[in-house]
Protein backbone atom coordinates (compact mmCIF):
# COMPACT_ATOMS: atom_id res chain seq x y z
CA MET A 1 -81.13 182.00 98.76
CA SER A 2 -82.43 181.31 95.33
CA GLU A 3 -81.10 178.33 93.39
CA GLU A 4 -78.07 178.92 91.18
CA PRO A 5 -78.77 179.34 87.50
CA GLN A 6 -78.72 176.14 85.45
CA GLU A 7 -75.66 177.30 83.50
CA ILE A 8 -73.62 177.59 86.71
CA GLN A 9 -74.69 174.12 87.90
CA THR A 10 -73.79 172.68 84.54
CA LEU A 11 -70.34 174.30 84.66
CA GLN A 12 -69.81 172.98 88.19
CA GLU A 13 -70.74 169.48 87.12
CA GLU A 14 -68.30 169.66 84.21
CA GLU A 15 -65.53 170.86 86.52
CA GLN A 16 -66.24 168.00 88.91
CA LYS A 17 -66.00 165.53 86.05
CA LYS A 18 -62.67 167.01 84.99
CA GLU A 19 -61.33 166.77 88.52
CA ALA A 20 -62.48 163.15 88.77
CA GLY A 21 -60.80 162.41 85.46
CA ILE A 22 -57.58 163.96 86.66
CA LEU A 23 -57.70 161.85 89.83
CA VAL A 24 -58.20 158.72 87.78
CA VAL A 25 -55.23 159.56 85.57
CA PHE A 26 -53.09 160.34 88.63
CA ARG A 27 -54.09 157.17 90.49
CA PHE A 28 -53.92 154.66 87.67
CA ILE A 29 -51.31 156.10 85.33
CA LEU A 30 -49.03 158.62 86.95
CA VAL A 31 -48.65 156.88 90.32
CA PRO A 32 -47.59 153.55 88.76
CA LEU A 33 -45.21 155.40 86.47
CA ILE A 34 -43.64 157.15 89.45
CA VAL A 35 -43.34 153.86 91.34
CA VAL A 36 -41.81 152.15 88.32
CA SER A 37 -39.34 155.00 87.88
CA VAL A 38 -38.26 154.76 91.51
CA VAL A 39 -37.86 150.98 91.25
CA VAL A 40 -35.82 151.29 88.05
CA PHE A 41 -33.62 153.91 89.69
CA LEU A 42 -33.00 151.67 92.69
CA ILE A 43 -32.26 148.67 90.46
CA VAL A 44 -29.75 150.69 88.46
CA LEU A 45 -28.21 152.13 91.62
CA PHE A 46 -27.80 148.81 93.40
CA GLY A 47 -26.83 147.10 90.15
CA GLN A 48 -23.97 149.52 89.70
CA MET A 49 -22.93 148.92 93.30
CA ALA A 50 -23.03 145.16 92.77
CA LEU A 51 -21.08 145.40 89.53
CA ARG A 52 -18.39 147.55 91.06
CA GLU A 53 -15.21 145.54 90.88
CA LYS A 54 -14.09 144.46 94.32
CA THR A 55 -10.53 145.08 95.43
CA VAL A 56 -8.14 143.02 97.52
CA ARG A 57 -9.07 145.15 100.53
CA ASP A 58 -12.80 144.47 99.93
CA TYR A 59 -12.27 140.72 99.91
CA LEU A 60 -10.11 140.80 103.01
CA TYR A 61 -12.82 142.77 104.79
CA ASP A 62 -15.41 140.15 103.77
CA ILE A 63 -13.14 137.35 105.04
CA ARG A 64 -12.79 139.09 108.40
CA THR A 65 -16.41 140.09 108.93
CA GLY A 66 -18.67 137.96 106.72
CA SER A 67 -20.74 134.91 107.48
CA GLN A 68 -19.23 131.45 107.11
CA SER A 69 -20.22 131.11 103.46
CA GLU A 70 -19.32 134.71 102.67
CA ARG A 71 -15.85 134.27 104.15
CA TRP A 72 -14.80 131.24 102.13
CA GLN A 73 -16.33 132.69 98.97
CA ALA A 74 -14.36 135.90 99.51
CA ALA A 75 -11.16 133.85 99.96
CA TYR A 76 -11.97 131.93 96.78
CA HIS A 77 -12.54 135.14 94.79
CA LEU A 78 -9.38 136.68 96.22
CA SER A 79 -7.30 133.72 95.05
CA ASN A 80 -8.86 134.05 91.58
CA LEU A 81 -8.26 137.80 91.58
CA LEU A 82 -4.53 137.23 92.04
CA ALA A 83 -4.49 134.72 89.19
CA ASN A 84 -6.08 137.11 86.69
CA PRO A 85 -3.46 138.00 84.06
CA LYS A 86 -5.62 140.81 82.65
CA LYS A 87 -5.63 142.85 85.85
CA ASP A 88 -2.82 144.19 87.97
CA TYR A 89 -3.72 143.61 91.60
CA GLU A 90 -0.19 142.75 92.67
CA THR A 91 0.72 146.18 94.01
CA GLU A 92 -2.35 146.40 96.21
CA ALA A 93 -2.00 142.79 97.37
CA ARG A 94 1.62 143.30 98.38
CA LYS A 95 0.55 146.22 100.53
CA GLN A 96 -2.08 144.01 102.15
CA LEU A 97 0.22 140.97 102.48
CA PRO A 98 0.77 141.28 106.27
CA GLU A 99 -3.00 141.15 106.76
CA MET A 100 -3.33 138.24 104.34
CA ILE A 101 -0.72 136.30 106.28
CA LEU A 102 -2.42 137.16 109.59
CA ILE A 103 -5.80 135.96 108.29
CA PHE A 104 -4.17 132.78 106.98
CA ARG A 105 -2.51 132.05 110.32
CA ASN A 106 -5.74 132.77 112.24
CA THR A 107 -7.63 130.15 110.23
CA LYS A 108 -5.53 127.32 111.71
CA GLY A 109 -7.84 124.74 113.24
CA ASN A 110 -10.80 126.93 112.36
CA ASP A 111 -11.86 126.80 108.72
CA PRO A 112 -9.80 124.65 106.34
CA GLN A 113 -11.74 125.85 103.30
CA ILE A 114 -10.74 129.47 103.87
CA ARG A 115 -7.22 128.36 104.76
CA ARG A 116 -6.82 126.47 101.48
CA TYR A 117 -7.86 129.44 99.34
CA MET A 118 -5.66 131.80 101.33
CA ALA A 119 -2.70 129.45 100.76
CA LEU A 120 -3.52 129.56 97.06
CA ALA A 121 -3.69 133.37 97.14
CA LEU A 122 -0.35 133.65 98.96
CA GLY A 123 1.28 131.32 96.45
CA ARG A 124 -0.06 133.26 93.50
CA LEU A 125 1.33 136.49 94.92
CA LYS A 126 4.83 134.91 94.83
CA ASP A 127 6.11 137.01 97.74
CA PRO A 128 8.86 135.40 99.88
CA ARG A 129 7.38 137.03 103.00
CA ALA A 130 4.65 134.37 102.90
CA VAL A 131 7.12 131.46 103.05
CA PRO A 132 7.28 131.06 106.88
CA ALA A 133 3.48 130.95 107.20
CA LEU A 134 3.15 128.39 104.40
CA GLN A 135 5.94 126.28 105.88
CA GLU A 136 4.18 126.21 109.25
CA ALA A 137 0.95 125.09 107.59
CA MET A 138 2.64 122.06 105.99
CA ASN A 139 2.00 120.39 109.35
CA ASP A 140 -1.76 120.90 109.21
CA GLU A 141 -4.05 117.94 109.74
CA ASP A 142 -6.02 118.85 106.63
CA SER A 143 -4.19 117.18 103.76
CA GLN A 144 -5.65 119.48 101.12
CA THR A 145 -4.30 122.52 102.96
CA VAL A 146 -0.88 120.86 103.07
CA ILE A 147 -1.01 120.21 99.31
CA TRP A 148 -1.91 123.81 98.51
CA CYS A 149 0.78 125.12 100.86
CA ILE A 150 3.38 122.99 99.11
CA TRP A 151 2.12 124.30 95.78
CA GLY A 152 2.30 127.86 97.10
CA LEU A 153 5.89 127.37 98.19
CA GLY A 154 6.74 126.01 94.76
CA SER A 155 5.06 129.00 93.13
CA ILE A 156 7.15 131.38 95.24
CA GLY A 157 10.26 129.30 94.49
CA ASP A 158 12.17 130.11 97.67
CA LYS A 159 14.80 127.43 98.22
CA SER A 160 14.56 127.75 101.99
CA ALA A 161 11.39 125.65 101.69
CA VAL A 162 13.17 122.71 100.03
CA PRO A 163 14.09 120.70 103.18
CA GLY A 164 10.51 120.78 104.43
CA ILE A 165 9.14 119.74 101.05
CA ILE A 166 11.66 116.89 100.84
CA GLU A 167 10.28 115.62 104.16
CA LYS A 168 6.82 115.56 102.64
CA LEU A 169 8.07 113.09 100.01
CA GLU A 170 7.79 110.52 102.81
CA ASP A 171 4.21 111.38 103.75
CA SER A 172 1.70 108.55 103.91
CA ASP A 173 -0.66 110.54 101.67
CA SER A 174 0.29 109.85 98.04
CA ALA A 175 -1.25 113.16 96.89
CA ILE A 176 1.12 115.05 99.21
CA ARG A 177 4.07 113.00 97.93
CA SER A 178 3.07 113.68 94.33
CA MET A 179 2.75 117.45 94.84
CA SER A 180 6.07 117.49 96.70
CA ALA A 181 7.83 115.80 93.78
CA TYR A 182 6.24 118.19 91.32
CA VAL A 183 7.23 121.27 93.34
CA LEU A 184 10.80 120.09 93.87
CA GLY A 185 11.09 119.91 90.10
CA ALA A 186 9.82 123.47 89.84
CA ILE A 187 12.30 124.81 92.41
CA GLN A 188 15.17 122.75 90.95
CA ASP A 189 17.39 122.51 94.01
CA PRO A 190 20.15 119.84 93.73
CA ARG A 191 19.42 118.69 97.29
CA ALA A 192 16.20 117.15 95.99
CA VAL A 193 17.90 114.78 93.52
CA PRO A 194 18.58 111.79 95.83
CA PRO A 195 15.11 111.90 97.46
CA LEU A 196 13.45 112.11 94.07
CA GLN A 197 15.50 109.19 92.75
CA ALA A 198 14.32 107.16 95.75
CA HIS A 199 10.71 107.71 94.63
CA LEU A 200 11.09 106.66 91.00
CA ASP A 201 9.64 103.32 92.05
CA ASP A 202 7.01 104.75 94.40
CA ALA A 203 3.99 102.55 94.94
CA THR A 204 1.79 105.33 93.52
CA ALA A 205 2.33 105.89 89.80
CA GLU A 206 1.72 109.65 89.96
CA VAL A 207 4.53 110.07 92.48
CA SER A 208 6.89 108.08 90.25
CA TRP A 209 5.89 110.17 87.20
CA ASN A 210 6.37 113.49 88.95
CA SER A 211 9.70 112.36 90.38
CA ALA A 212 10.99 111.44 86.91
CA ILE A 213 9.76 114.71 85.39
CA ALA A 214 11.25 116.70 88.28
CA LEU A 215 14.63 115.05 87.82
CA ALA A 216 14.56 115.68 84.07
CA ARG A 217 13.85 119.37 84.73
CA MET A 218 17.15 119.37 86.61
CA ASN A 219 18.91 117.71 83.63
CA ASN A 220 19.05 114.38 85.44
CA ALA A 221 18.23 111.34 83.29
CA SER A 222 17.92 108.81 86.11
CA GLY A 223 14.16 108.70 85.54
CA ALA A 224 14.45 107.97 81.80
CA ASP A 225 12.77 104.56 82.08
CA VAL A 226 9.75 106.13 83.75
CA LEU A 227 9.61 108.87 81.09
CA LEU A 228 9.66 106.25 78.35
CA LYS A 229 6.70 104.49 79.92
CA ILE A 230 4.52 107.59 80.26
CA MET A 231 5.11 108.49 76.62
CA HIS A 232 3.65 105.13 75.54
CA ARG A 233 -0.11 105.12 75.08
CA ASP A 234 -0.32 101.36 75.71
CA TYR A 235 1.05 101.94 79.20
CA LEU A 236 -1.29 104.86 79.94
CA ALA A 237 -4.29 102.89 78.67
CA GLY A 238 -4.09 100.85 81.86
CA PHE A 239 -5.03 103.89 83.96
CA LEU A 240 -8.75 103.83 83.35
CA GLN A 241 -9.45 106.59 85.88
CA MET A 242 -7.43 109.11 83.87
CA SER A 243 -9.15 111.19 81.22
CA GLU A 244 -7.68 111.30 77.74
CA GLN A 245 -6.91 114.97 78.25
CA ASN A 246 -4.90 114.24 81.40
CA LYS A 247 -3.02 111.48 79.60
CA GLU A 248 -2.10 113.87 76.82
CA GLU A 249 -0.96 116.51 79.32
CA LEU A 250 1.26 113.92 81.00
CA MET A 251 2.76 112.87 77.68
CA ILE A 252 3.37 116.49 76.66
CA ASN A 253 5.10 117.26 79.96
CA ALA A 254 7.29 114.18 79.58
CA ILE A 255 8.17 115.17 76.00
CA LYS A 256 9.14 118.70 77.00
CA VAL A 257 11.53 117.63 79.77
CA SER A 258 12.92 114.59 77.93
CA ALA A 259 14.06 116.43 74.82
CA LYS A 260 16.92 118.25 76.56
CA LEU A 261 18.34 115.12 78.22
CA GLY A 262 20.02 113.79 75.08
CA ASP A 263 18.99 110.23 75.92
CA PRO A 264 18.86 108.23 72.62
CA PRO A 265 15.81 106.07 73.43
CA LEU A 266 13.88 109.14 74.61
CA THR A 267 14.87 111.15 71.54
CA GLN A 268 13.86 108.34 69.21
CA LEU A 269 10.47 107.98 70.87
CA ILE A 270 9.85 111.73 70.60
CA LYS A 271 10.62 111.50 66.87
CA THR A 272 8.13 108.65 66.52
CA LEU A 273 5.45 110.61 68.38
CA SER A 274 6.04 113.68 66.22
CA GLY A 275 4.81 111.80 63.18
CA SER A 276 2.48 109.07 64.39
CA ASP A 277 0.66 110.04 67.60
CA PRO A 278 -3.10 110.42 67.05
CA SER A 279 -3.24 113.68 69.02
CA PRO A 280 -2.31 116.91 67.19
CA ARG A 281 -1.29 118.43 70.51
CA VAL A 282 1.15 115.60 71.29
CA ARG A 283 2.57 115.66 67.75
CA ASP A 284 3.02 119.43 67.95
CA ALA A 285 4.75 119.18 71.34
CA ALA A 286 7.10 116.52 69.97
CA ILE A 287 7.95 118.60 66.88
CA LYS A 288 8.70 121.64 68.99
CA ALA A 289 10.79 119.59 71.42
CA LEU A 290 12.94 118.28 68.58
CA GLU A 291 13.56 121.80 67.30
């Protein structure tokens, strides 16, 4: 066969060059663009999945089935979820309450960290159905769990819990005694008055303070001397471990409960604080209390 004409060879060579150019474009431009597009799609897809707001049911599932760290983190997030005033999770949580209580009970002797956050979640839900489980857990060996259970019972406010909380006023752990006094003031059951009066001179100052504030919340002025002390900055200056913010919060709480007692020395001190305390927050609290 004779050789092809030069024109045909030239055309073939040009076509080959075009094909090679197309391959280069496909390999080095189009392929990376396709890969990038796929990656971006996957990032968006999984990002949307990650950003999807979890529900109470989702967190309970994670607590049941997750790893150790995933379980306590899910319990932590669940407790925060139920504290969020901008979202209404209460209806769903109430439907899931039996499972929440079951999970809480099953954590006994197993994982105190999960147990603490579940106690917090139950308290924030404020459902009386959780009271028996929280009462049982007041006998836990983990003191922090006991404290959060007492707080949960106070948040629910069921007076059936009062006798058990009064017993905790005698606990050797001062933090448990302090929380018990605080919660008894929140529930405001008259049965707590004598036990609280007995702790006005508790060896731990915080217990004494909370006992006096609790009594004042029940219109009982027997802790007036303690209230006078905690509204004096010279007295609080001796508690070096307390931050200035915590001292102010204590003073403000004492001002709020003292104003309604009608005790002359307390009223006079509140008037003094309303005009001379260095903190605007304390002065404002005193002014409002006098109104």
